[in-house]
């Protein structure tokens, strides 16, 4: 059970890092999608499970 939660946190962290990296390079489309997906879907999913 703990391994599954760790994988979900790792995926959330990777998606957020990719979103911020794209934002730093001037991304205007992919960055907001990744950040919203990370913060509104993946982080709550990792917290609740």
N, C-alpha and C. Protein backbone atom coordinates (compact mmCIF):
# COMPACT_ATOMS: atom_id res chain seq x y z
N UNK A 1 0.82 -1.20 0.00
CA UNK A 1 0.00 0.00 0.00
C UNK A 1 0.86 1.26 0.00
N UNK A 2 1.92 1.27 0.79
CA UNK A 2 2.78 2.45 0.86
C UNK A 2 3.54 2.67 -0.44
N UNK A 3 3.86 1.56 -1.13
CA UNK A 3 4.57 1.69 -2.39
C UNK A 3 3.70 2.37 -3.44
N UNK A 4 2.42 2.03 -3.44
CA UNK A 4 1.50 2.64 -4.40
C UNK A 4 1.39 4.15 -4.15
N UNK A 5 1.33 4.55 -2.90
CA UNK A 5 1.26 5.98 -2.56
C UNK A 5 2.56 6.69 -2.97
N UNK A 6 3.67 6.03 -2.79
CA UNK A 6 4.94 6.63 -3.19
C UNK A 6 5.02 6.83 -4.69
N UNK A 7 4.49 5.88 -5.44
CA UNK A 7 4.49 6.02 -6.90
C UNK A 7 3.59 7.18 -7.31
N UNK A 8 2.44 7.32 -6.65
CA UNK A 8 1.55 8.43 -6.98
C UNK A 8 2.19 9.78 -6.65
N UNK A 9 2.89 9.87 -5.53
CA UNK A 9 3.59 11.11 -5.20
C UNK A 9 4.70 11.39 -6.20
N UNK A 10 5.39 10.35 -6.63
CA UNK A 10 6.47 10.53 -7.61
C UNK A 10 5.92 11.02 -8.94
N UNK A 11 4.81 10.46 -9.38
CA UNK A 11 4.19 10.89 -10.63
C UNK A 11 3.73 12.34 -10.52
N UNK A 12 3.11 12.68 -9.39
CA UNK A 12 2.66 14.06 -9.18
C UNK A 12 3.85 15.02 -9.20
N UNK A 13 4.93 14.65 -8.54
CA UNK A 13 6.12 15.49 -8.53
C UNK A 13 6.73 15.65 -9.91
N UNK A 14 6.76 14.57 -10.67
CA UNK A 14 7.30 14.65 -12.02
C UNK A 14 6.46 15.54 -12.91
N UNK A 15 5.14 15.42 -12.83
CA UNK A 15 4.25 16.25 -13.65
C UNK A 15 4.39 17.71 -13.27
N UNK A 16 4.47 18.00 -11.98
CA UNK A 16 4.65 19.38 -11.54
C UNK A 16 6.01 19.94 -11.99
N UNK A 17 7.05 19.14 -11.86
CA UNK A 17 8.37 19.59 -12.29
C UNK A 17 8.39 19.85 -13.80
N UNK A 18 7.75 18.98 -14.56
CA UNK A 18 7.68 19.18 -16.01
C UNK A 18 6.89 20.44 -16.33
N UNK A 19 5.83 20.69 -15.58
CA UNK A 19 5.04 21.90 -15.81
C UNK A 19 5.83 23.17 -15.52
N UNK A 20 6.57 23.17 -14.41
CA UNK A 20 7.37 24.34 -14.09
C UNK A 20 8.54 24.51 -15.06
N UNK A 21 9.12 23.40 -15.51
CA UNK A 21 10.21 23.48 -16.49
C UNK A 21 9.70 24.07 -17.80
N UNK A 22 8.54 23.63 -18.24
CA UNK A 22 7.97 24.18 -19.47
C UNK A 22 7.60 25.65 -19.29
N UNK A 23 7.11 26.00 -18.12
CA UNK A 23 6.77 27.39 -17.83
C UNK A 23 8.02 28.27 -17.87
N UNK A 24 9.13 27.76 -17.35
CA UNK A 24 10.38 28.52 -17.35
C UNK A 24 10.90 28.73 -18.77
N UNK A 25 10.58 27.81 -19.67
CA UNK A 25 11.02 27.95 -21.06
C UNK A 25 10.03 28.75 -21.90
N UNK A 26 8.99 29.27 -21.26
CA UNK A 26 8.05 30.12 -21.97
C UNK A 26 6.82 29.39 -22.48
N UNK A 27 6.58 28.20 -21.99
CA UNK A 27 5.42 27.45 -22.45
C UNK A 27 4.12 28.12 -22.04
N UNK A 28 3.22 28.25 -22.99
CA UNK A 28 1.95 28.90 -22.70
C UNK A 28 0.77 27.95 -22.77
N UNK A 29 0.99 26.75 -23.29
CA UNK A 29 -0.12 25.81 -23.44
C UNK A 29 0.07 24.58 -22.55
N UNK A 30 1.22 23.94 -22.68
CA UNK A 30 1.44 22.70 -21.95
C UNK A 30 1.65 22.93 -20.46
N UNK A 31 2.35 24.00 -20.09
CA UNK A 31 2.66 24.26 -18.69
C UNK A 31 1.41 24.40 -17.83
N UNK A 32 0.43 25.22 -18.21
CA UNK A 32 -0.77 25.31 -17.36
C UNK A 32 -1.54 24.00 -17.28
N UNK A 33 -1.56 23.24 -18.37
CA UNK A 33 -2.26 21.96 -18.34
C UNK A 33 -1.59 21.01 -17.35
N UNK A 34 -0.27 20.93 -17.40
CA UNK A 34 0.45 20.05 -16.49
C UNK A 34 0.31 20.49 -15.04
N UNK A 35 0.37 21.78 -14.80
CA UNK A 35 0.26 22.28 -13.43
C UNK A 35 -1.14 22.06 -12.85
N UNK A 36 -2.16 22.30 -13.64
CA UNK A 36 -3.53 22.05 -13.17
C UNK A 36 -3.74 20.57 -12.94
N UNK A 37 -3.25 19.73 -13.85
CA UNK A 37 -3.36 18.30 -13.68
C UNK A 37 -2.64 17.85 -12.41
N UNK A 38 -1.47 18.38 -12.19
CA UNK A 38 -0.70 18.00 -11.01
C UNK A 38 -1.36 18.43 -9.72
N UNK A 39 -1.72 19.71 -9.63
CA UNK A 39 -2.25 20.25 -8.38
C UNK A 39 -3.71 19.87 -8.12
N UNK A 40 -4.51 19.76 -9.15
CA UNK A 40 -5.95 19.53 -8.95
C UNK A 40 -6.35 18.06 -9.04
N UNK A 41 -5.49 17.22 -9.62
CA UNK A 41 -5.86 15.81 -9.78
C UNK A 41 -4.87 14.91 -9.04
N UNK A 42 -3.60 15.01 -9.38
CA UNK A 42 -2.63 14.04 -8.89
C UNK A 42 -2.26 14.21 -7.42
N UNK A 43 -2.07 15.44 -6.96
CA UNK A 43 -1.74 15.65 -5.55
C UNK A 43 -2.90 15.25 -4.65
N UNK A 44 -4.15 15.66 -4.93
CA UNK A 44 -5.24 15.17 -4.08
C UNK A 44 -5.39 13.65 -4.14
N UNK A 45 -5.16 13.06 -5.30
CA UNK A 45 -5.23 11.61 -5.41
C UNK A 45 -4.17 10.95 -4.54
N UNK A 46 -2.98 11.51 -4.52
CA UNK A 46 -1.91 10.96 -3.69
C UNK A 46 -2.21 11.15 -2.20
N UNK A 47 -2.82 12.26 -1.85
CA UNK A 47 -3.16 12.50 -0.44
C UNK A 47 -4.26 11.57 0.04
N UNK A 48 -5.28 11.38 -0.78
CA UNK A 48 -6.45 10.62 -0.36
C UNK A 48 -6.25 9.12 -0.38
N UNK A 49 -5.21 8.65 -1.07
CA UNK A 49 -5.00 7.19 -1.13
C UNK A 49 -3.76 6.77 -0.42
